[in-house]
Protein backbone atom coordinates (compact mmCIF):
# COMPACT_ATOMS: atom_id res chain seq x y z
CA MET A 1 115.39 15.92 426.83
CA ALA A 2 114.23 12.98 424.73
CA ILE A 3 113.40 10.90 427.80
CA GLY A 4 111.45 13.82 429.31
CA TRP A 5 109.50 14.36 426.10
CA ILE A 6 108.52 10.67 425.91
CA ALA A 7 107.44 10.64 429.54
CA THR A 8 105.29 13.74 429.09
CA ALA A 9 103.67 12.39 425.94
CA PHE A 10 102.98 9.02 427.54
CA ALA A 11 101.38 10.63 430.59
CA THR A 12 99.17 12.78 428.38
CA LEU A 13 98.04 9.82 426.29
CA VAL A 14 97.09 7.95 429.46
CA ALA A 15 95.06 10.99 430.53
CA LEU A 16 93.33 11.08 427.17
CA THR A 17 92.38 7.43 427.51
CA VAL A 18 90.92 8.01 430.98
CA HIS A 19 88.87 10.94 429.70
CA GLY A 20 87.17 8.85 427.02
CA GLY A 21 89.35 8.20 424.01
CA LEU A 22 92.79 7.96 422.50
CA ALA A 23 94.40 10.90 420.77
CA GLN A 24 93.13 9.86 417.37
CA ASP A 25 89.53 10.02 418.67
CA MET A 26 90.08 13.63 419.70
CA MET A 27 90.88 14.83 416.20
CA SER A 28 88.29 16.27 413.85
CA ARG A 29 86.81 13.67 411.56
CA LYS A 30 85.67 14.24 408.02
CA THR A 31 82.25 13.41 406.63
CA MET A 32 82.59 10.46 404.28
CA SER A 33 80.35 9.56 401.37
CA THR A 34 80.50 5.88 400.45
CA GLU A 35 78.51 3.46 398.37
CA GLY A 36 76.73 2.42 401.54
CA GLY A 37 75.46 5.90 402.22
CA LEU A 38 76.33 9.03 404.08
CA LYS A 39 78.36 8.47 407.21
CA MET A 40 78.54 11.31 409.70
CA GLU A 41 80.80 11.07 412.71
CA GLY A 42 81.07 13.47 415.59
CA LYS A 43 84.10 15.67 416.10
CA MET A 44 85.68 17.38 419.04
CA ALA A 45 84.54 20.92 419.72
CA ASN A 46 87.45 23.33 420.12
CA GLY A 47 89.94 20.52 420.55
CA ASN A 48 93.46 20.38 419.17
CA MET A 49 96.78 18.69 419.73
CA ASN A 50 100.12 20.38 419.15
CA MET A 51 103.68 19.31 419.54
CA ASN A 52 105.75 22.29 420.58
CA ASN A 53 109.16 22.08 422.13
CA GLY A 54 108.60 18.52 423.25
CA THR A 55 105.18 19.01 424.89
CA VAL A 56 101.67 17.81 424.02
CA GLN A 57 98.85 20.32 424.49
CA SER A 58 95.14 19.52 424.47
CA ASN A 59 91.93 21.32 425.37
CA ALA A 60 88.26 20.41 425.67
CA LEU A 61 89.07 16.85 426.69
CA ALA A 62 85.53 16.28 427.94
CA GLN A 63 83.80 17.69 424.85
CA VAL A 64 84.22 14.69 422.59
CA ASP A 65 81.03 13.89 420.63
CA PRO A 66 81.16 10.18 419.81
CA SER A 67 77.92 10.27 417.79
CA ARG A 68 77.90 8.45 414.49
CA ILE A 69 75.06 8.43 411.96
CA ILE A 70 74.73 6.13 408.95
CA ALA A 71 71.88 7.28 406.72
CA PRO A 72 72.00 5.62 403.29
CA PRO A 73 70.54 7.57 400.37
CA ALA A 74 67.44 6.26 398.63
CA PRO A 75 67.88 4.42 395.32
CA LYS A 76 67.54 6.45 392.17
CA ASN A 77 64.16 6.36 390.42
CA ILE A 78 62.54 4.84 393.49
CA ALA A 79 59.32 6.77 392.78
CA ASN A 80 58.84 4.57 389.70
CA TYR A 81 58.20 1.64 392.03
CA GLY A 82 55.48 3.16 394.20
CA ILE A 83 57.74 4.47 396.96
CA SER A 84 57.73 8.20 396.48
CA GLU A 85 59.56 10.75 398.56
CA SER A 86 57.45 12.23 401.33
CA LYS A 87 55.53 15.42 400.60
CA ASP A 88 54.67 15.80 404.28
CA TYR A 89 58.01 15.88 406.07
CA GLN A 90 61.65 16.85 405.75
CA VAL A 91 64.01 15.30 408.29
CA GLU A 92 67.49 16.20 409.46
CA VAL A 93 69.64 14.14 411.80
CA ASN A 94 72.53 15.93 413.48
CA GLY A 95 72.17 18.67 410.89
CA LYS A 96 72.24 16.38 407.85
CA PRO A 97 69.18 15.61 405.69
CA VAL A 98 67.95 12.02 405.46
CA HIS A 99 65.60 10.55 402.88
CA VAL A 100 61.94 10.27 403.89
CA TYR A 101 60.10 7.31 402.31
CA THR A 102 56.34 6.80 402.03
CA ALA A 103 53.91 3.98 402.74
CA THR A 104 50.12 3.74 402.72
CA ILE A 105 48.42 2.67 405.95
CA TYR A 106 44.91 2.48 407.36
CA ARG A 107 44.27 4.89 410.17
CA VAL A 108 43.47 3.40 413.55
CA GLY A 109 39.75 3.93 414.01
CA ASP A 110 36.28 2.48 414.58
CA TYR A 111 35.89 -0.10 411.81
CA LYS A 112 33.25 -2.43 413.24
CA ASP A 113 31.29 -2.03 410.00
CA GLY A 114 34.38 -1.82 407.81
CA PRO A 115 36.09 1.26 406.44
CA LYS A 116 33.58 3.82 405.26
CA ASP A 117 35.61 5.39 402.45
CA GLU A 118 39.10 6.17 401.28
CA SER A 119 39.52 8.64 404.15
CA SER A 120 40.34 5.53 406.18
CA LEU A 121 43.58 5.35 404.20
CA THR A 122 46.39 7.79 404.75
CA GLN A 123 49.85 8.43 403.39
CA ALA A 124 52.48 7.71 406.02
CA SER A 125 56.15 8.57 405.90
CA PHE A 126 59.16 6.83 407.41
CA VAL A 127 62.88 7.32 407.90
CA SER A 128 65.50 4.75 408.76
CA PHE A 129 69.10 5.18 409.88
CA ASP A 130 71.72 3.63 412.14
CA PHE A 131 73.45 5.50 414.91
CA SER A 132 75.52 5.43 418.05
CA GLY A 133 75.84 8.20 420.61
CA THR A 134 73.13 10.84 420.19
CA ALA A 135 70.82 11.50 417.25
CA ASN A 136 69.23 14.95 417.20
CA LEU A 137 66.21 14.95 414.90
CA LYS A 138 64.70 18.03 413.33
CA ILE A 139 61.44 17.33 411.52
CA ILE A 140 59.87 19.99 409.36
CA SER A 141 56.19 19.38 408.70
CA LEU A 142 54.89 20.78 405.45
CA HIS A 143 51.49 21.14 407.14
CA PRO A 144 50.56 23.26 410.18
CA VAL A 145 51.45 21.73 413.54
CA LYS A 146 49.24 22.29 416.60
CA ASN A 147 50.67 19.47 418.72
CA ALA A 148 52.87 16.41 418.40
CA THR A 149 53.03 13.05 420.16
CA LEU A 150 55.65 10.32 419.93
CA ARG A 151 54.46 6.75 420.48
CA PRO A 152 54.92 4.51 422.28
CA LEU A 153 54.57 6.84 425.23
CA SER A 154 56.66 4.46 427.34
CA ALA A 155 59.74 5.53 425.36
CA GLY A 156 59.55 8.80 427.25
CA VAL A 157 60.56 10.89 424.23
CA VAL A 158 58.78 14.25 424.36
CA PRO A 159 59.01 16.32 421.19
CA LYS A 160 59.48 20.08 421.14
CA VAL A 161 57.28 22.04 418.74
CA GLN A 162 58.28 25.39 417.29
CA GLY A 163 56.07 26.53 414.47
CA ASN A 164 55.99 23.66 411.97
CA THR A 165 59.22 22.14 413.30
CA VAL A 166 59.28 19.18 415.68
CA SER A 167 62.56 18.23 417.34
CA PHE A 168 63.76 15.62 419.79
CA ALA A 169 66.91 13.67 420.66
CA LEU A 170 67.53 9.94 420.91
CA ASN A 171 70.32 8.41 422.97
CA LYS A 172 69.64 4.86 421.86
CA PRO A 173 67.95 3.24 418.86
CA ARG A 174 64.16 3.32 418.99
CA LYS A 175 61.13 2.69 416.79
CA LEU A 176 58.62 5.51 417.08
CA MET A 177 55.51 6.95 415.46
CA LEU A 178 55.14 10.73 415.33
CA GLU A 179 51.51 11.87 415.37
CA ILE A 180 50.72 15.43 414.40
CA ASN A 181 47.54 17.20 415.56
CA GLY A 182 45.95 14.36 417.47
CA GLU A 183 42.49 14.85 418.95
CA LYS A 184 40.73 12.91 421.69
CA LYS A 185 37.29 12.05 420.39
CA ARG A 186 35.16 8.97 420.90
CA SER A 187 35.51 6.51 418.01
CA THR A 188 37.55 8.96 416.01
CA LEU A 189 40.14 8.04 413.44
CA ALA A 190 43.73 8.48 414.51
CA PRO A 191 45.60 11.45 413.02
CA ALA A 192 46.43 11.22 409.35
CA ARG A 193 49.92 11.30 407.85
CA PRO A 194 52.10 9.97 410.68
CA LEU A 195 55.88 9.74 410.46
CA PHE A 196 57.59 6.52 411.54
CA VAL A 197 61.14 6.83 412.84
CA PHE A 198 63.04 3.55 412.63
CA THR A 199 66.55 3.65 414.07
CA ASN A 200 69.03 0.81 414.41
CA PRO A 201 72.31 0.15 416.18
CA ILE A 202 75.28 0.31 413.86
CA GLU A 203 75.98 -3.12 412.44
CA THR A 204 79.10 -4.97 413.49
CA ASN A 205 80.72 -7.27 410.95
CA PRO A 206 77.87 -7.31 408.42
CA PRO A 207 78.08 -9.84 405.58
CA LYS A 208 80.30 -8.91 402.65
CA PRO A 209 79.45 -9.11 398.94
CA GLY A 210 80.74 -12.31 397.44
CA ALA A 211 81.13 -14.11 400.78
CA GLN A 212 80.32 -17.81 400.73
CA GLY A 213 76.64 -18.50 401.44
CA VAL A 214 75.67 -14.82 401.21
CA THR A 215 73.11 -13.38 398.79
CA TYR A 216 73.91 -9.69 398.98
CA PHE A 217 71.56 -6.89 397.95
CA GLY A 218 73.49 -3.63 398.08
CA PRO A 219 72.13 -0.09 397.76
CA GLY A 220 69.75 0.23 394.83
CA ILE A 221 66.59 -1.46 393.56
CA HIS A 222 66.48 -5.24 393.07
CA HIS A 223 63.70 -7.35 391.54
CA ILE A 224 63.70 -10.90 392.89
CA GLY A 225 60.22 -12.28 392.19
CA HIS A 226 59.48 -15.16 394.60
CA TYR A 227 62.98 -16.01 395.85
CA GLN A 228 63.78 -19.29 397.61
CA ILE A 229 66.29 -19.33 400.47
CA LYS A 230 68.32 -22.53 400.72
CA SER A 231 69.98 -24.16 403.72
CA ASN A 232 72.99 -22.30 405.16
CA GLU A 233 72.15 -19.17 403.16
CA THR A 234 72.17 -15.58 404.41
CA VAL A 235 70.07 -13.02 402.55
CA TYR A 236 71.45 -9.58 403.30
CA ILE A 237 69.47 -6.42 402.45
CA ALA A 238 71.81 -3.49 402.99
CA GLY A 239 70.68 -0.06 404.09
CA GLY A 240 69.74 1.88 400.97
CA ALA A 241 68.52 -1.28 399.20
CA VAL A 242 64.93 -1.83 398.15
CA VAL A 243 64.22 -5.45 397.27
CA GLU A 244 61.01 -5.90 395.29
CA GLY A 245 59.44 -9.33 395.80
CA THR A 246 58.89 -12.06 398.37
CA LEU A 247 61.03 -14.70 400.11
CA PHE A 248 60.36 -18.32 401.02
CA ALA A 249 62.10 -21.38 402.44
CA ASN A 250 60.96 -25.01 402.41
CA GLY A 251 62.84 -27.62 404.39
CA ALA A 252 65.81 -25.32 405.01
CA GLN A 253 68.20 -25.14 407.95
CA ASN A 254 70.46 -22.39 409.30
CA ILE A 255 69.06 -19.49 407.28
CA LYS A 256 69.25 -15.75 407.93
CA ILE A 257 67.57 -12.62 406.61
CA LEU A 258 69.62 -9.62 407.75
CA GLY A 259 70.22 -5.95 407.07
CA HIS A 260 68.49 -2.60 407.46
CA GLY A 261 67.13 -2.22 403.93
CA ILE A 262 63.57 -2.60 402.66
CA LEU A 263 61.77 -5.73 401.44
CA ASP A 264 58.86 -4.35 399.42
CA GLY A 265 55.88 -6.41 398.29
CA SER A 266 53.81 -3.61 396.80
CA GLN A 267 54.40 -4.76 393.21
CA THR A 268 53.20 -8.33 393.95
CA PRO A 269 49.45 -8.96 393.48
CA SER A 270 47.47 -9.26 396.71
CA LYS A 271 47.26 -12.74 398.21
CA LYS A 272 49.54 -14.28 395.59
CA TYR A 273 52.34 -14.97 398.08
CA LEU A 274 53.24 -14.36 401.69
CA GLY A 275 55.89 -11.74 402.33
CA ILE A 276 58.34 -14.15 404.00
CA ASP A 277 57.11 -17.76 404.04
CA ILE A 278 59.19 -20.13 406.17
CA TYR A 279 57.95 -23.74 406.08
CA ASN A 280 59.32 -26.92 407.65
CA SER A 281 62.58 -25.19 408.52
CA LYS A 282 64.75 -24.75 411.59
CA ASN A 283 67.41 -22.42 412.95
CA VAL A 284 66.00 -19.26 411.38
CA LEU A 285 67.11 -15.70 412.12
CA ILE A 286 65.42 -12.53 410.80
CA ASP A 287 67.12 -9.40 412.07
CA GLY A 288 66.80 -5.81 410.92
CA PRO A 289 64.76 -5.32 407.74
CA ILE A 290 61.84 -3.03 407.04
CA ILE A 291 59.03 -4.94 405.33
CA ARG A 292 56.61 -2.76 403.38
CA ASP A 293 53.26 -3.82 401.91
CA SER A 294 53.55 -7.57 401.87
CA PRO A 295 50.94 -9.01 399.46
CA HIS A 296 49.30 -10.96 402.31
CA TRP A 297 50.48 -12.03 405.78
CA THR A 298 53.93 -10.53 406.21
CA ILE A 299 56.16 -13.07 407.99
CA VAL A 300 54.83 -16.61 408.43
CA HIS A 301 56.51 -19.58 410.08
CA THR A 302 54.76 -22.91 409.64
CA ARG A 303 55.92 -26.21 411.12
CA SER A 304 59.28 -24.66 411.93
CA GLU A 305 61.47 -24.52 415.02
CA ASN A 306 64.17 -22.44 416.66
CA VAL A 307 63.10 -19.17 415.07
CA THR A 308 64.43 -15.76 416.18
CA ILE A 309 62.96 -12.49 414.91
CA ARG A 310 64.28 -9.16 416.18
CA ASN A 311 64.47 -5.52 415.15
CA VAL A 312 61.91 -6.03 412.39
CA LYS A 313 59.76 -3.13 411.19
CA ILE A 314 56.51 -3.87 409.34
CA LEU A 315 54.13 -1.48 407.57
CA ASN A 316 51.31 -3.28 405.76
CA HIS A 317 47.95 -1.96 404.56
CA ARG A 318 47.13 -4.81 402.15
CA ILE A 319 44.08 -7.04 402.56
CA ASN A 320 44.63 -9.47 405.48
CA GLY A 321 47.92 -7.69 406.05
CA GLU A 322 48.88 -9.38 409.30
CA GLY A 323 52.33 -8.80 410.72
CA LEU A 324 53.79 -12.03 412.12
CA ASP A 325 52.06 -15.42 412.04
CA ILE A 326 53.44 -18.32 414.07
CA SER A 327 51.67 -21.41 412.82
CA ASN A 328 52.31 -24.88 414.30
CA SER A 329 55.86 -23.84 415.19
CA ARG A 330 57.95 -24.07 418.33
CA GLN A 331 60.83 -22.34 420.07
CA VAL A 332 59.99 -18.96 418.55
CA ARG A 333 61.44 -15.74 419.98
CA ILE A 334 60.30 -12.30 418.79
CA SER A 335 61.73 -9.10 420.29
CA ASP A 336 62.44 -5.41 419.71
CA SER A 337 60.08 -5.12 416.75
CA PHE A 338 57.53 -2.60 415.47
CA ILE A 339 54.44 -3.70 413.56
CA TYR A 340 51.72 -1.54 412.01
CA ALA A 341 49.30 -3.95 410.34
CA SER A 342 45.91 -3.69 408.68
CA ASP A 343 44.91 -6.84 410.58
CA ASP A 344 46.39 -8.62 413.61
CA SER A 345 49.93 -7.53 414.46
CA ILE A 346 50.94 -11.01 415.66
CA SER A 347 49.00 -14.26 415.55
CA VAL A 348 49.78 -17.68 417.03
CA LYS A 349 47.83 -20.35 415.14
CA GLY A 350 47.31 -23.93 414.22
CA CYS A 351 46.73 -23.30 410.56
CA THR A 352 46.64 -25.26 407.32
CA TRP A 353 45.75 -22.50 404.88
CA TRP A 354 49.16 -22.45 403.23
CA HIS A 355 50.63 -25.87 404.10
CA ASN A 356 48.05 -28.57 404.66
CA ASN A 357 50.18 -31.14 406.52
CA ALA A 358 51.13 -28.99 409.51
CA ASP A 359 48.23 -29.61 411.86
CA GLN A 360 49.88 -32.43 413.83
CA TRP A 361 52.49 -29.99 415.13
CA ASN A 362 51.93 -27.96 418.27
CA ALA A 363 52.50 -24.24 418.47
CA GLU A 364 54.57 -24.04 421.63
CA ASP A 365 57.33 -22.22 423.49
CA VAL A 366 56.63 -18.86 421.86
CA THR A 367 57.99 -15.71 423.52
CA ILE A 368 57.20 -12.18 422.30
CA THR A 369 58.82 -9.30 424.18
CA ASP A 370 59.79 -5.62 424.08
CA SER A 371 57.77 -4.68 420.98
CA THR A 372 55.27 -2.09 419.76
CA LEU A 373 52.14 -3.39 418.06
CA MET A 374 49.62 -1.29 416.13
CA SER A 375 46.61 -2.59 414.24
CA ALA A 376 43.87 -1.10 412.12
CA PHE A 377 40.37 -2.47 411.37
CA GLN A 378 39.42 -5.02 414.04
CA GLY A 379 42.87 -6.53 414.25
CA PHE A 380 44.30 -7.38 417.65
CA GLY A 381 47.78 -6.74 418.95
CA ILE A 382 48.22 -10.46 419.59
CA ARG A 383 45.64 -13.06 418.63
CA VAL A 384 45.89 -16.72 419.62
CA GLY A 385 43.64 -18.42 417.05
CA ASP A 386 41.08 -18.29 415.49
CA GLU A 387 42.58 -21.27 413.67
CA THR A 388 43.66 -23.82 416.28
CA ARG A 389 44.16 -26.94 414.19
CA ALA A 390 46.82 -28.55 416.37
CA PRO A 391 46.97 -30.87 419.38
CA GLU A 392 48.13 -27.98 421.61
CA LEU A 393 49.03 -24.31 421.67
CA LYS A 394 51.01 -23.94 424.87
CA ASN A 395 53.72 -22.09 426.77
CA LEU A 396 53.03 -18.71 425.19
CA THR A 397 54.58 -15.60 426.78
CA PHE A 398 53.77 -12.03 425.73
CA ARG A 399 55.73 -9.53 427.83
CA ASN A 400 56.52 -5.81 427.80
CA ILE A 401 54.28 -4.78 424.90
CA ASP A 402 52.96 -1.38 423.82
CA PHE A 403 49.67 -1.54 421.92
CA TYR A 404 47.82 1.11 419.93
CA GLY A 405 45.03 0.07 417.62
CA SER A 406 41.46 -0.58 416.63
CA GLY A 407 40.52 -4.11 417.59
CA GLY A 408 41.95 -4.59 421.05
CA PRO A 409 45.18 -5.63 422.74
CA MET A 410 44.70 -9.38 422.87
CA ALA A 411 42.35 -12.21 421.93
CA ILE A 412 42.35 -15.96 422.52
CA ILE A 413 39.82 -17.60 420.19
CA ASN A 414 39.74 -21.38 420.15
CA GLY A 415 37.85 -22.23 416.98
CA ASP A 416 39.14 -25.79 416.45
CA ARG A 417 40.28 -28.73 418.57
CA ALA A 418 43.46 -27.54 420.35
CA MET A 419 44.09 -27.33 424.05
CA ILE A 420 45.38 -23.78 424.63
CA SER A 421 47.29 -23.61 427.90
CA ASP A 422 49.86 -21.72 429.94
CA VAL A 423 49.49 -18.27 428.42
CA ARG A 424 51.34 -15.49 430.28
CA VAL A 425 50.59 -11.84 429.48
CA ASP A 426 52.66 -9.37 431.49
CA ASN A 427 53.50 -5.67 431.49
CA TRP A 428 51.36 -4.25 428.68
CA ARG A 429 50.62 -0.60 428.05
CA VAL A 430 47.46 -0.11 425.99
CA GLU A 431 47.58 3.47 424.77
CA ARG A 432 44.41 3.44 422.76
CA TYR A 433 41.93 0.90 421.44
CA ILE A 434 38.38 0.84 420.15
CA GLY A 435 37.27 -2.80 420.26
CA TRP A 436 37.62 -5.37 423.02
CA VAL A 437 39.56 -5.23 426.27
CA PHE A 438 39.79 -9.01 426.82
CA TYR A 439 38.35 -11.43 424.29
CA PHE A 440 38.78 -15.06 425.35
CA ILE A 441 36.27 -17.52 423.87
CA ILE A 442 35.75 -21.08 422.67
CA ASP A 443 33.43 -21.11 419.69
CA LYS A 444 33.27 -21.97 416.02
CA GLY A 445 33.77 -19.22 413.50
CA MET A 446 34.31 -18.61 409.82
CA TYR A 447 37.86 -20.03 409.95
CA SER A 448 37.02 -23.23 411.88
CA VAL A 449 37.64 -26.62 410.24
CA ASP A 450 37.81 -29.23 413.02
CA PRO A 451 34.37 -30.53 414.05
CA GLN A 452 35.33 -30.94 417.71
CA PHE A 453 35.79 -28.15 420.25
CA GLY A 454 38.94 -27.38 422.22
CA ARG A 455 39.66 -25.97 425.70
CA ILE A 456 41.54 -23.06 427.29
CA ASN A 457 43.42 -23.47 430.57
CA ASN A 458 45.73 -21.42 432.76
CA LEU A 459 45.73 -17.78 431.64
CA ASP A 460 47.94 -15.45 433.69
CA ILE A 461 47.14 -11.80 432.84
CA ARG A 462 49.00 -9.24 434.96
CA ASN A 463 50.35 -5.68 435.02
CA ILE A 464 48.10 -4.35 432.26
CA ASN A 465 47.52 -0.59 431.99
CA VAL A 466 44.65 0.29 429.64
CA MET A 467 45.05 4.06 429.30
CA GLU A 468 42.08 4.99 427.13
CA PHE A 469 39.48 3.59 424.78
CA TYR A 470 37.07 5.18 422.35
CA GLY A 471 34.50 2.52 421.54
CA GLU A 472 32.23 0.36 423.65
CA GLY A 473 35.19 -1.25 425.38
CA GLY A 474 33.61 -4.70 425.29
CA SER A 475 35.03 -7.91 426.71
CA ASN A 476 34.15 -11.56 426.42
CA VAL A 477 35.40 -14.36 428.66
CA ALA A 478 33.37 -17.46 427.83
CA GLY A 479 33.82 -21.17 427.28
CA HIS A 480 31.60 -23.16 424.94
CA ASP A 481 29.86 -25.57 427.29
CA ALA A 482 30.46 -27.56 430.48
CA ALA A 483 32.72 -30.00 428.64
CA HIS A 484 34.72 -27.22 426.97
CA PRO A 485 35.26 -24.49 429.55
CA ILE A 486 37.89 -21.86 430.17
CA THR A 487 39.66 -22.76 433.42
CA ASN A 488 42.11 -21.08 435.79
CA VAL A 489 42.15 -17.43 434.76
CA LEU A 490 44.05 -14.80 436.76
CA PHE A 491 43.79 -11.02 436.30
CA GLN A 492 46.33 -9.25 438.53
CA ASN A 493 47.11 -5.54 438.67
CA VAL A 494 44.92 -4.60 435.71
CA LYS A 495 43.97 -0.93 435.33
CA LEU A 496 41.20 0.36 433.10
CA ALA A 497 41.45 4.10 432.43
CA GLY A 498 43.31 4.52 435.71
CA LYS A 499 40.92 2.42 437.82
CA PRO A 500 42.04 -0.96 439.21
CA LEU A 501 40.09 -4.00 438.11
CA ILE A 502 38.41 -5.42 441.20
CA ASN A 503 35.48 -7.37 439.77
CA ILE A 504 34.94 -8.90 436.33
CA ASP A 505 31.67 -6.99 436.06
CA GLN A 506 33.71 -3.77 435.81
CA ILE A 507 34.75 -4.77 432.32
CA PRO A 508 32.25 -3.33 429.86
CA GLY A 509 30.54 -6.07 427.89
CA ARG A 510 28.65 -6.43 424.68
CA ILE A 511 26.97 -9.43 423.07
CA TYR A 512 29.11 -10.24 420.05
CA PRO A 513 29.28 -12.73 418.49
CA LEU A 514 27.66 -14.90 421.16
CA GLU A 515 24.00 -14.35 422.04
CA ARG A 516 24.50 -14.54 425.77
CA PRO A 517 25.88 -12.28 428.51
CA VAL A 518 29.60 -11.79 428.17
CA THR A 519 30.69 -12.65 431.70
CA LYS A 520 31.92 -15.91 433.17
CA ASN A 521 29.91 -18.35 431.06
CA PHE A 522 31.54 -21.77 431.43
CA VAL A 523 34.53 -20.20 433.15
CA GLU A 524 36.00 -21.97 436.17
CA ASN A 525 38.32 -20.53 438.80
CA LEU A 526 38.50 -16.94 437.57
CA ARG A 527 40.43 -14.79 440.05
CA ILE A 528 41.05 -11.06 440.22
CA ILE A 529 43.82 -9.55 442.34
CA PRO A 530 43.89 -5.71 442.21
């Protein structure tokens, strides 16, 4: 009898493994509240295991729900630090409420003469949580809902609207913006009061408090001022943590900024510091944080190398609130990030504004992929320049990008002496813009310092889908003179509002800022392949 019982049990356990989990995964799991936040794990529906007279019984083997949600609570008294709880939305994930934070942003709109009034500003909300399996979101708007859109559209997540409730499911982590009551009008402002949904994979082996080389910010509010990161140091911002202040490194190696908490610069005076200022450093990893209202440019790397940035979320409405700035740096990789900036989302520069001995370094080997970029005012999704104080800006790849904004998807503006070369732009989806389609010029501007002019060579622009625009839709492709032209430009498989680009004259043009026609001036070997 004992041998038979063991054989039966063993056979059943093997069956359980084949069907997706060991016996312990089939049992109901309890909801656990920990210092790190609320953890919710799925449980088996109608499943049980009994031992009765030497047999193992199980049902609903295929109904295991492996979903797991980690949604840390907000710190106490967070409203005292300018981060109030949302008055626009309530959010549940898999039936459990999650905290909804707030941030101020500028609405995407026609700002060619600057914002007209405070209606350009709007209160946004955001949620952040980690999950595996499936996350079912139920969003209750405290305002009437006529329609709802989740961006980027390429995510393919279509919300369901019932009354003032919007619901949808995610089967993998995503970074989304929920727009309520959007209208399609020429030069209109984007809908007010969006909700950003930032979701992360569950961390594996995160740093522990007290570990060697780890500066650990656990759940709660922390005031750090202007904190310097030293070589071989990891700064960890846990979910549920709000770190007030800014970070910088100078001459550091092997540094990391990790975690799914919030770095908040709203209490720092505008333009006093950069949000994260990495100078003359190498082997840098930034992975996971939300960065809210940096006092100036948000993340800046100057004269640095071997930099990796991934899963970063930026919301910044401050003056000159750019997202990521790569200045005279090399071997930079940016991926899986979401940036909503008041100015350019990402900029590649040769710049000496913050560190005046960087201009002998190239900006080179920069790859930006799989990200969503949104910009207000006249900011671009990605801008190369205007500052190009460097020998070269080269080997720049911008691939698989979703753009939604005011200024335009991309600009290359050579305002100093650099040779800009080998720029590859591939697989972009431009959901909405108001400014320029393509803006590639060589000319001096307000940020120029070098007396000499540079050049632009070898631009490969392909697989671009411009879905809609609301402004004049202007473009400018122009060198400076015969000695400083733009050479070797390819447009391949570019669509403007559903129509393939066949001839450069199809691109609407306007004369700004150059007082000459905005087509092919001092441009050599421009090709278009539909």
